[in-house]
Structure formats: structure tokens, C-alpha cells
Amino acid sequence: MIAIAIVGPKKSGKTTLGVGLARELAGRGLTVAAAKSTSHHFDKADTDTDQYRAVCVGTLGIGPQESFVSWPGRRFLADLVPLVAADVLLVEGGKDLGILPRVLLPAAAARPKAFAPELAVACFGDKGLPGAPAVDSVPALADLVLARGFILPGLDCGACGFADCRALAVEIVAGRAGVKDCKSRNAAVSVRVNGVALALNPFVERMLGAGIRGLVSELKGYAPGRIEIELEGR
């Protein structure tokens, strides 16, 4: 899955651009999911969310006191991503999210310091910023999302050599690092639930791998090689 955030102040056109981008990507044969981030309560009859539902295969909500997937309490974006299976995740809002790149709307580009321009891969409109060129059409923005979108696991394990996932994301946006530098994405152990890979930090990967290898090696017929285990969830 690749992902991008659409960032700007309230009533700056985030939903209009997000739904338009979702339609463009879906028209290219891609499945699209949407996540809406807010600092307020969700309106269950939110017309913005309904617009995404008409286009997207899944819609999530992230708020300070509840999550849109009807879980009590706050959840982080990385916790919710495995609940949707899509080629592209579009995040509306989430200016504090540091695990994916972002597109700045004109109102955000006008005062970029408040919207983390170091994570921006583009500005939508006719004015850009250093490192974030202006993109003035939805099809061109869709091309950029497919070329530069990504999402990191949010483990903040430091195995990549950076302090946290946000620091790595900044380096990826600047072109000084790549998603391949995330060590949890290059682990020898892979765990998938409903086809979606779960993030494993290096310590968990080593412990899980050692435990599985130790147990399986005691089974009759074992021979060194690739181990595959299928387990139905309960």
C-alpha cells in the first residue's frame, strides 16, 4: 500500500481534493481507501465521509477521543491500516502524522511552518515551496501520489538509524533515503493477517523467528529451508 496525506486548515478544500483524487485513482483501476483525521468529534452523518464512501473501498476516522471504526478510545493510523485492503490510502488532514508524505493545499502553503513542509511532496495549486513543487491538476497529482506515496509502520524502533519513523519519512521525502531503509519491511519473518503485512520491529522479528524455528525443528519431517505456517484467526 502507498499513502499520502492532504493537509490544510479547516474548510480549505481537503475533502474536495481528496474525493477528486480518489475518483481519479479508482478510474485507473486502483482500489482506494480513505482515512479522515480530525481534532474534534465525528459527526456520524458526516457528508464528507459519505462522499468518500461512494468512491473508496474503505473509510477510516482518526480522532482524539474515538476512532471511526467504532472502537472506543483513540487509535493510531498504523493500527487502523490493516483493517483496509487497498492499493492507495488517502488521509484527509493529519498534520501531526509523520509516517507518510503530504500534499499542502494553498491555505497551508501560505503558512507552511504550521504544516510540516519537510514532509510535503507537492503543493496543490499554482504556488510551490522548496522541495514541494506546484501541481495544479488532479491527474498530475495522482501521478505524483503513485510515484512518491508511502507509509511507514510507526514503530519508532530506530533500527533504520534515525530517531523515529518521522525522521526517516523526512529523509525519504528529501530523496536521501528510501522505504527500503525501514528495517521492519526487510525482515526475515513476515506476518500477514487477511493478506495485510503487520509491522515487526527487529527485536520482535528475532524473537518470533527464533521461537518458530525452534518449535518447527522438533517436528517429524523437518528440514532446513523456508517455513510457511497458516493459522486461522479466532
Protein backbone atom coordinates (compact mmCIF):
# COMPACT_ATOMS: atom_id res chain seq x y z
CA MET A 1 0.00 0.00 0.00
CA ILE A 2 1.12 3.54 -0.72
CA ALA A 3 -0.32 6.57 1.02
CA ILE A 4 -0.44 10.35 1.02
CA ALA A 5 -1.95 12.96 3.34
CA ILE A 6 -3.88 16.01 2.15
CA VAL A 7 -3.16 18.78 4.64
CA GLY A 8 -4.63 22.21 5.17
CA PRO A 9 -6.66 24.22 7.69
CA LYS A 10 -10.39 23.74 8.17
CA LYS A 11 -12.54 24.48 5.11
CA SER A 12 -9.53 24.69 2.80
CA GLY A 13 -10.82 22.13 0.30
CA LYS A 14 -9.34 18.90 1.70
CA THR A 15 -12.43 16.80 1.05
CA THR A 16 -12.98 18.18 -2.45
CA LEU A 17 -9.41 17.35 -3.45
CA GLY A 18 -9.41 14.02 -1.64
CA VAL A 19 -12.61 12.77 -3.26
CA GLY A 20 -11.45 14.00 -6.66
CA LEU A 21 -8.13 12.23 -6.25
CA ALA A 22 -9.88 9.05 -5.11
CA ARG A 23 -12.08 9.12 -8.23
CA GLU A 24 -9.04 9.66 -10.48
CA LEU A 25 -7.13 6.75 -8.93
CA ALA A 26 -10.17 4.47 -8.95
CA GLY A 27 -10.67 5.35 -12.61
CA ARG A 28 -7.18 3.96 -13.24
CA GLY A 29 -8.25 0.60 -11.85
CA LEU A 30 -6.75 1.06 -8.37
CA THR A 31 -8.53 0.40 -5.10
CA VAL A 32 -8.54 3.41 -2.79
CA ALA A 33 -9.19 3.73 0.93
CA ALA A 34 -9.65 6.97 2.84
CA ALA A 35 -8.85 7.98 6.41
CA LYS A 36 -10.19 11.16 7.89
CA SER A 37 -8.27 12.81 10.72
CA THR A 38 -9.92 15.36 12.98
CA SER A 39 -9.19 17.12 16.25
CA HIS A 40 -12.93 17.17 17.02
CA HIS A 41 -15.69 14.61 17.46
CA PHE A 42 -17.01 12.79 14.41
CA ASP A 43 -20.45 13.58 13.06
CA LYS A 44 -21.89 10.14 12.30
CA ALA A 45 -23.90 11.66 9.46
CA ASP A 46 -20.83 13.46 8.13
CA THR A 47 -21.47 14.30 4.48
CA ASP A 48 -17.72 14.48 3.83
CA THR A 49 -17.33 10.87 4.93
CA ASP A 50 -20.30 9.85 2.79
CA GLN A 51 -18.54 11.31 -0.26
CA TYR A 52 -15.53 9.08 0.40
CA ARG A 53 -17.74 6.03 0.95
CA ALA A 54 -19.16 6.43 -2.54
CA VAL A 55 -15.68 6.05 -4.09
CA CYS A 56 -13.46 4.18 -1.64
CA VAL A 57 -13.32 0.52 -0.65
CA GLY A 58 -12.89 1.51 3.00
CA THR A 59 -13.12 4.64 5.13
CA LEU A 60 -11.41 5.23 8.48
CA GLY A 61 -11.56 8.02 11.02
CA ILE A 62 -8.91 9.15 13.49
CA GLY A 63 -9.83 11.44 16.37
CA PRO A 64 -8.61 12.36 19.86
CA GLN A 65 -11.40 10.53 21.70
CA GLU A 66 -12.70 7.93 19.25
CA SER A 67 -11.92 6.14 16.02
CA PHE A 68 -14.28 5.88 13.09
CA VAL A 69 -14.22 2.07 13.04
CA SER A 70 -16.40 2.24 16.17
CA TRP A 71 -13.60 1.36 18.59
CA PRO A 72 -13.73 3.16 21.94
CA GLY A 73 -10.65 5.20 22.69
CA ARG A 74 -8.00 6.61 20.44
CA ARG A 75 -6.20 4.50 17.85
CA PHE A 76 -3.27 5.47 15.68
CA LEU A 77 -3.28 5.33 11.88
CA ALA A 78 -0.81 2.43 11.83
CA ASP A 79 -3.26 0.40 13.95
CA LEU A 80 -6.12 1.01 11.52
CA VAL A 81 -4.35 0.43 8.19
CA PRO A 82 -4.54 -3.41 8.45
CA LEU A 83 -8.35 -3.09 8.53
CA VAL A 84 -8.47 -1.92 4.92
CA ALA A 85 -7.07 -3.63 1.85
CA ALA A 86 -6.37 -1.09 -0.88
CA ASP A 87 -3.70 -0.02 -3.32
CA VAL A 88 -3.73 3.58 -2.13
CA LEU A 89 -4.64 5.20 1.18
CA LEU A 90 -5.65 8.88 1.13
CA VAL A 91 -5.53 10.62 4.50
CA GLU A 92 -7.54 13.80 4.88
CA GLY A 93 -5.91 16.02 7.46
CA GLY A 94 -3.48 14.62 10.00
CA LYS A 95 -0.95 17.45 10.06
CA ASP A 96 0.76 15.75 13.02
CA LEU A 97 1.14 12.40 11.24
CA GLY A 98 4.79 11.76 10.46
CA ILE A 99 4.67 8.33 8.84
CA LEU A 100 3.63 9.37 5.33
CA PRO A 101 4.22 12.24 2.88
CA ARG A 102 1.72 15.03 2.34
CA VAL A 103 0.26 17.44 -0.18
CA LEU A 104 -0.26 21.00 1.03
CA LEU A 105 -3.34 22.93 -0.01
CA PRO A 106 -2.95 26.64 -0.87
CA ALA A 107 -4.01 27.83 2.60
CA ALA A 108 -1.36 25.55 4.15
CA ALA A 109 1.35 26.52 1.68
CA ALA A 110 0.72 30.17 2.56
CA ARG A 111 1.91 29.49 6.14
CA PRO A 112 3.93 26.29 5.77
CA LYS A 113 5.66 26.23 9.17
CA ALA A 114 2.40 25.09 10.78
CA PHE A 115 2.02 22.19 8.33
CA ALA A 116 5.45 20.49 8.30
CA PRO A 117 6.65 21.38 4.77
CA GLU A 118 9.58 18.96 5.22
CA LEU A 119 7.07 16.14 4.68
CA ALA A 120 5.45 17.76 1.63
CA VAL A 121 5.99 16.28 -1.82
CA ALA A 122 3.78 18.85 -3.56
CA CYS A 123 1.57 21.90 -3.14
CA PHE A 124 -1.78 21.74 -4.90
CA GLY A 125 -2.34 24.94 -6.86
CA ASP A 126 -0.10 27.37 -8.71
CA LYS A 127 2.44 28.09 -5.95
CA GLY A 128 5.03 25.64 -4.68
CA LEU A 129 7.66 25.55 -1.97
CA PRO A 130 11.29 24.42 -1.99
CA GLY A 131 11.17 20.64 -2.41
CA ALA A 132 7.40 20.70 -2.92
CA PRO A 133 6.54 21.78 -6.48
CA ALA A 134 3.19 23.20 -7.50
CA VAL A 135 0.76 20.69 -9.02
CA ASP A 136 -2.36 22.23 -10.50
CA SER A 137 -4.38 19.25 -11.73
CA VAL A 138 -5.83 16.12 -10.12
CA PRO A 139 -4.42 13.74 -12.79
CA ALA A 140 -0.91 15.18 -12.28
CA LEU A 141 -1.35 14.83 -8.53
CA ALA A 142 -2.42 11.20 -8.98
CA ASP A 143 0.79 10.56 -10.93
CA LEU A 144 2.82 12.06 -8.10
CA VAL A 145 1.00 10.03 -5.44
CA LEU A 146 1.73 6.80 -7.31
CA ALA A 147 5.38 7.78 -7.72
CA ARG A 148 6.12 9.12 -4.24
CA GLY A 149 3.45 7.85 -1.87
CA PHE A 150 4.47 5.59 1.02
CA ILE A 151 3.56 4.75 4.59
CA LEU A 152 5.89 3.69 7.39
CA PRO A 153 4.84 1.34 10.22
CA GLY A 154 5.09 3.88 13.04
CA LEU A 155 7.10 1.55 15.29
CA ASP A 156 9.78 4.16 16.04
CA CYS A 157 12.20 1.28 16.66
CA GLY A 158 15.27 3.20 15.49
CA ALA A 159 16.66 0.21 13.59
CA CYS A 160 16.95 2.37 10.45
CA GLY A 161 19.44 4.61 12.23
CA PHE A 162 17.02 7.51 12.65
CA ALA A 163 15.34 8.61 15.87
CA ASP A 164 11.85 7.61 14.76
CA CYS A 165 9.67 6.94 11.71
CA ARG A 166 9.03 10.65 11.19
CA ALA A 167 12.74 11.34 10.83
CA LEU A 168 13.03 8.58 8.24
CA ALA A 169 9.96 9.90 6.40
CA VAL A 170 11.57 13.35 6.15
CA GLU A 171 14.69 11.76 4.65
CA ILE A 172 12.60 9.75 2.15
CA VAL A 173 10.72 12.88 1.04
CA ALA A 174 14.06 14.70 0.62
CA GLY A 175 15.40 11.84 -1.50
CA ARG A 176 18.19 10.99 0.93
CA ALA A 177 16.67 7.64 1.95
CA GLY A 178 14.11 5.14 0.68
CA VAL A 179 11.32 2.99 2.09
CA LYS A 180 13.76 0.06 1.81
CA ASP A 181 15.70 1.66 4.68
CA CYS A 182 12.86 0.71 7.04
CA LYS A 183 14.22 -2.48 8.62
CA SER A 184 10.78 -3.79 9.58
CA ARG A 185 9.96 -4.03 5.86
CA ASN A 186 13.01 -6.19 5.17
CA ALA A 187 12.58 -8.72 7.97
CA ALA A 188 13.21 -12.45 7.59
CA VAL A 189 9.87 -13.10 9.29
CA SER A 190 6.62 -11.95 7.66
CA VAL A 191 3.24 -12.00 9.40
CA ARG A 192 0.12 -11.27 7.37
CA VAL A 193 -3.46 -11.02 8.61
CA ASN A 194 -6.10 -11.14 5.88
CA GLY A 195 -3.31 -10.52 3.38
CA VAL A 196 -2.06 -7.36 5.10
CA ALA A 197 1.51 -7.44 6.44
CA LEU A 198 1.97 -6.49 10.08
CA ALA A 199 4.97 -4.40 11.10
CA LEU A 200 7.60 -6.17 13.18
CA ASN A 201 10.46 -4.36 14.83
CA PRO A 202 13.81 -6.20 14.68
CA PHE A 203 13.60 -7.44 18.29
CA VAL A 204 10.13 -8.95 17.82
CA GLU A 205 11.20 -10.40 14.47
CA ARG A 206 14.22 -12.12 16.02
CA MET A 207 12.23 -13.47 18.98
CA LEU A 208 9.35 -14.69 16.82
CA GLY A 209 11.68 -16.22 14.23
CA ALA A 210 13.81 -17.99 16.82
CA GLY A 211 10.73 -19.38 18.59
CA ILE A 212 9.11 -20.67 15.41
CA ARG A 213 12.32 -22.21 14.11
CA GLY A 214 12.95 -23.90 17.45
CA LEU A 215 9.45 -25.40 17.64
CA VAL A 216 9.26 -26.48 14.00
CA SER A 217 12.71 -28.07 14.10
CA GLU A 218 11.34 -30.58 16.63
CA LEU A 219 8.61 -31.79 14.26
CA LYS A 220 8.99 -35.04 12.36
CA GLY A 221 9.97 -34.43 8.76
CA TYR A 222 11.61 -31.07 9.43
CA ALA A 223 14.40 -29.99 7.09
CA PRO A 224 16.16 -26.61 6.96
CA GLY A 225 14.55 -24.22 4.48
CA ARG A 226 11.68 -21.78 4.09
CA ILE A 227 8.99 -22.23 6.76
CA GLU A 228 5.34 -21.44 5.95
CA ILE A 229 2.62 -21.57 8.58
CA GLU A 230 -1.08 -20.84 8.01
CA LEU A 231 -3.26 -20.03 11.01
CA GLU A 232 -6.95 -19.17 11.02
CA GLY A 233 -7.86 -16.27 13.30
CA ARG A 234 -10.39 -16.79 16.06
